[in-house]
Protein backbone atom coordinates (compact mmCIF):
# COMPACT_ATOMS: atom_id res chain seq x y z
CA UNK A 1 0.15 0.07 -0.05
CA UNK A 2 1.46 3.38 -0.92
CA UNK A 3 0.23 6.32 1.12
CA UNK A 4 0.84 9.79 -0.06
CA UNK A 5 0.02 12.80 2.42
CA UNK A 6 -2.29 10.25 4.34
CA UNK A 7 -4.15 8.77 1.06
CA UNK A 8 -3.69 5.29 0.39
CA UNK A 9 -3.69 4.41 -3.52
CA UNK A 10 -3.64 0.80 -3.21
CA UNK A 11 -5.53 -1.36 -1.01
CA UNK A 12 -4.82 -4.84 -0.12
CA UNK A 13 -8.40 -5.87 -0.21
CA UNK A 14 -9.20 -7.05 -3.78
CA UNK A 15 -12.18 -5.56 -5.59
CA UNK A 16 -14.70 -7.82 -6.92
CA UNK A 17 -18.03 -7.68 -9.27
CA UNK A 18 -19.01 -5.11 -11.77
CA UNK A 19 -19.52 -1.35 -11.14
CA UNK A 20 -23.01 0.39 -12.47
CA UNK A 21 -21.26 2.13 -15.21
CA UNK A 22 -19.82 -0.99 -16.58
CA UNK A 23 -22.94 -2.82 -16.48
CA UNK A 24 -24.68 0.30 -18.26
CA UNK A 25 -21.77 0.41 -20.96
CA UNK A 26 -22.10 -3.38 -21.49
CA UNK A 27 -25.95 -3.10 -21.88
CA UNK A 28 -25.63 -0.38 -24.48
CA UNK A 29 -23.23 -2.12 -26.64
CA UNK A 30 -25.36 -5.16 -26.38
CA UNK A 31 -28.52 -3.23 -27.41
CA UNK A 32 -26.59 -1.80 -30.40
CA UNK A 33 -25.52 -5.43 -31.56
CA UNK A 34 -28.98 -6.42 -31.26
CA UNK A 35 -30.49 -3.67 -33.53
CA UNK A 36 -27.73 -4.25 -35.94
CA UNK A 37 -28.64 -8.32 -35.97
CA UNK A 38 -32.53 -7.33 -36.30
CA UNK A 39 -31.52 -4.84 -39.34
CA UNK A 40 -29.54 -7.68 -41.12
CA UNK A 41 -32.65 -10.15 -40.65
CA UNK A 42 -34.72 -7.42 -42.04
CA UNK A 43 -32.52 -7.04 -45.35
CA UNK A 44 -31.91 -10.87 -45.73
CA UNK A 45 -35.92 -11.18 -45.79
CA UNK A 46 -36.09 -8.49 -48.35
CA UNK A 47 -33.21 -10.07 -50.33
CA UNK A 48 -35.12 -13.69 -50.22
CA UNK A 49 -38.24 -12.28 -51.46
CA UNK A 50 -36.65 -10.41 -54.35
CA UNK A 51 -34.63 -13.22 -55.60
CA UNK A 52 -37.50 -15.39 -55.51
CA UNK A 53 -39.70 -12.77 -57.45
CA UNK A 54 -37.04 -12.66 -60.20
CA UNK A 55 -36.58 -16.42 -60.50
CA UNK A 56 -40.22 -16.91 -60.74
CA UNK A 57 -39.96 -14.20 -63.45
CA UNK A 58 -37.35 -16.16 -65.25
CA UNK A 59 -39.38 -19.20 -64.95
CA UNK A 60 -42.53 -17.42 -66.51
CA UNK A 61 -40.38 -16.01 -69.39
CA UNK A 62 -38.84 -19.29 -70.31
CA UNK A 63 -42.41 -21.19 -70.01
CA UNK A 64 -43.69 -18.67 -72.65
CA UNK A 65 -40.65 -18.98 -74.91
CA UNK A 66 -40.86 -22.71 -74.79
CA UNK A 67 -44.77 -22.77 -75.46
CA UNK A 68 -44.43 -20.31 -78.67
CA UNK A 69 -41.55 -22.46 -79.46
CA UNK A 70 -43.93 -25.44 -79.53
CA UNK A 71 -46.33 -24.05 -81.52
CA UNK A 72 -43.78 -23.54 -84.41
CA UNK A 73 -42.72 -20.97 -86.84
CA UNK A 74 -45.59 -21.27 -89.11
CA UNK A 75 -47.72 -19.77 -86.60
CA UNK A 76 -45.71 -16.92 -85.82
CA UNK A 77 -45.61 -16.07 -89.84
CA UNK A 78 -45.85 -12.31 -91.02
CA UNK A 79 -49.25 -12.38 -92.49
CA UNK A 80 -50.82 -13.59 -88.81
CA UNK A 81 -48.73 -11.25 -86.63
CA UNK A 82 -48.75 -7.85 -88.50
CA UNK A 83 -48.99 -5.08 -86.02
CA UNK A 84 -52.05 -2.54 -86.19
CA UNK A 85 -49.40 0.06 -87.72
CA UNK A 86 -48.62 -2.37 -90.53
CA UNK A 87 -44.88 -3.06 -88.56
CA UNK A 88 -43.62 -6.79 -88.74
CA UNK A 89 -42.97 -6.20 -85.17
CA UNK A 90 -45.84 -7.48 -83.07
CA UNK A 91 -46.63 -7.01 -79.36
CA UNK A 92 -48.44 -9.81 -77.47
CA UNK A 93 -49.80 -8.53 -74.08
CA UNK A 94 -50.55 -11.83 -71.92
CA UNK A 95 -53.08 -12.18 -68.92
CA UNK A 96 -51.55 -11.74 -65.58
CA UNK A 97 -49.73 -14.57 -64.65
CA UNK A 98 -49.88 -15.94 -60.81
CA UNK A 99 -47.35 -17.76 -59.00
CA UNK A 100 -47.59 -18.85 -55.23
CA UNK A 101 -44.67 -20.83 -53.41
CA UNK A 102 -44.67 -22.13 -49.94
CA UNK A 103 -41.98 -20.43 -48.05
CA UNK A 104 -40.38 -19.49 -44.72
CA UNK A 105 -38.50 -16.27 -45.16
CA UNK A 106 -38.58 -16.20 -41.39
CA UNK A 107 -39.52 -17.86 -38.23
CA UNK A 108 -42.99 -18.37 -39.65
CA UNK A 109 -43.95 -20.69 -42.61
CA UNK A 110 -46.24 -18.57 -45.13
CA UNK A 111 -47.34 -18.12 -48.64
CA UNK A 112 -45.61 -15.81 -51.12
CA UNK A 113 -47.94 -14.94 -54.28
CA UNK A 114 -46.54 -12.84 -56.96
CA UNK A 115 -48.50 -11.51 -59.91
CA UNK A 116 -46.32 -11.13 -63.15
CA UNK A 117 -47.37 -9.37 -66.14
CA UNK A 118 -45.75 -10.56 -69.51
CA UNK A 119 -45.30 -8.86 -73.01
CA UNK A 120 -44.05 -10.92 -75.89
CA UNK A 121 -42.34 -8.84 -78.90
CA UNK A 122 -42.20 -11.00 -81.82
CA UNK A 123 -39.76 -10.01 -84.79
CA UNK A 124 -37.88 -11.25 -87.68
CA UNK A 125 -34.56 -11.84 -87.08
CA UNK A 126 -31.69 -10.78 -89.60
CA UNK A 127 -29.64 -13.57 -88.91
CA UNK A 128 -32.13 -15.78 -90.05
CA UNK A 129 -33.15 -14.03 -93.28
CA UNK A 130 -32.57 -15.34 -96.68
CA UNK A 131 -32.97 -13.14 -100.01
CA UNK A 132 -33.05 -14.33 -103.30
CA UNK A 133 -34.40 -12.88 -106.84
CA UNK A 134 -33.61 -11.49 -110.13
CA UNK A 135 -33.85 -8.09 -111.49
CA UNK A 136 -37.50 -8.10 -111.57
CA UNK A 137 -38.43 -9.78 -108.33
CA UNK A 138 -36.63 -9.89 -105.00
CA UNK A 139 -38.11 -12.66 -102.46
CA UNK A 140 -36.97 -12.74 -99.00
CA UNK A 141 -37.67 -15.40 -96.49
CA UNK A 142 -37.56 -15.41 -92.95
CA UNK A 143 -36.98 -18.85 -91.52
CA UNK A 144 -36.82 -17.84 -87.73
CA UNK A 145 -38.29 -15.22 -85.19
CA UNK A 146 -36.76 -13.58 -82.52
CA UNK A 147 -38.90 -13.42 -79.33
CA UNK A 148 -38.57 -10.99 -76.78
CA UNK A 149 -40.19 -11.52 -73.70
CA UNK A 150 -40.47 -8.74 -70.86
CA UNK A 151 -41.82 -9.83 -67.49
CA UNK A 152 -42.75 -7.26 -64.84
CA UNK A 153 -43.93 -7.55 -61.37
CA UNK A 154 -44.38 -5.56 -58.32
CA UNK A 155 -41.87 -5.42 -55.23
CA UNK A 156 -42.09 -3.00 -52.43
CA UNK A 157 -44.19 -0.38 -54.27
CA UNK A 158 -41.53 -0.60 -57.53
CA UNK A 159 -41.90 -2.32 -60.42
CA UNK A 160 -39.39 -4.79 -61.27
CA UNK A 161 -38.55 -6.39 -64.96
CA UNK A 162 -36.79 -8.60 -66.62
CA UNK A 163 -36.28 -9.22 -70.48
CA UNK A 164 -35.59 -12.79 -71.70
CA UNK A 165 -34.80 -13.60 -75.48
CA UNK A 166 -35.27 -16.53 -77.71
CA UNK A 167 -35.39 -17.76 -81.29
CA UNK A 168 -38.06 -20.07 -82.75
CA UNK A 169 -37.03 -21.66 -85.85
């Protein structure tokens, strides 16, 4: 024990336990960590829903391309698909497509339902065009069509969309 002017600086008796200040600082640190973990969980939940919605949109677009491909090029001919303005590009707006999944994005299992709106643009593809002719007449033959499928859906008051392209021969 050291004494300076009658004041002892070290005690021979060991101190034990935590002081009130140490307990309050520890509680504040744990409170900040708890809030950070809650914020992280909320972000993970939103990311899961956004990714699930995008995967569903990709599936819808691919199903549309596969369905039109199964119909064949004969059903996508220019004389059947001439737009109202006379253009060869033609847009097909489909009825809303609803997909539902059973999911557990948190502690509770629930159902996720997403409504997709799809628009298909059919156009001749320059890579799949053949021309032949003479001085008097030129014949053009398109032996494939490009399909651009735009699928959109709502997520957190914003419209998300993807575009998937395919070719029907």
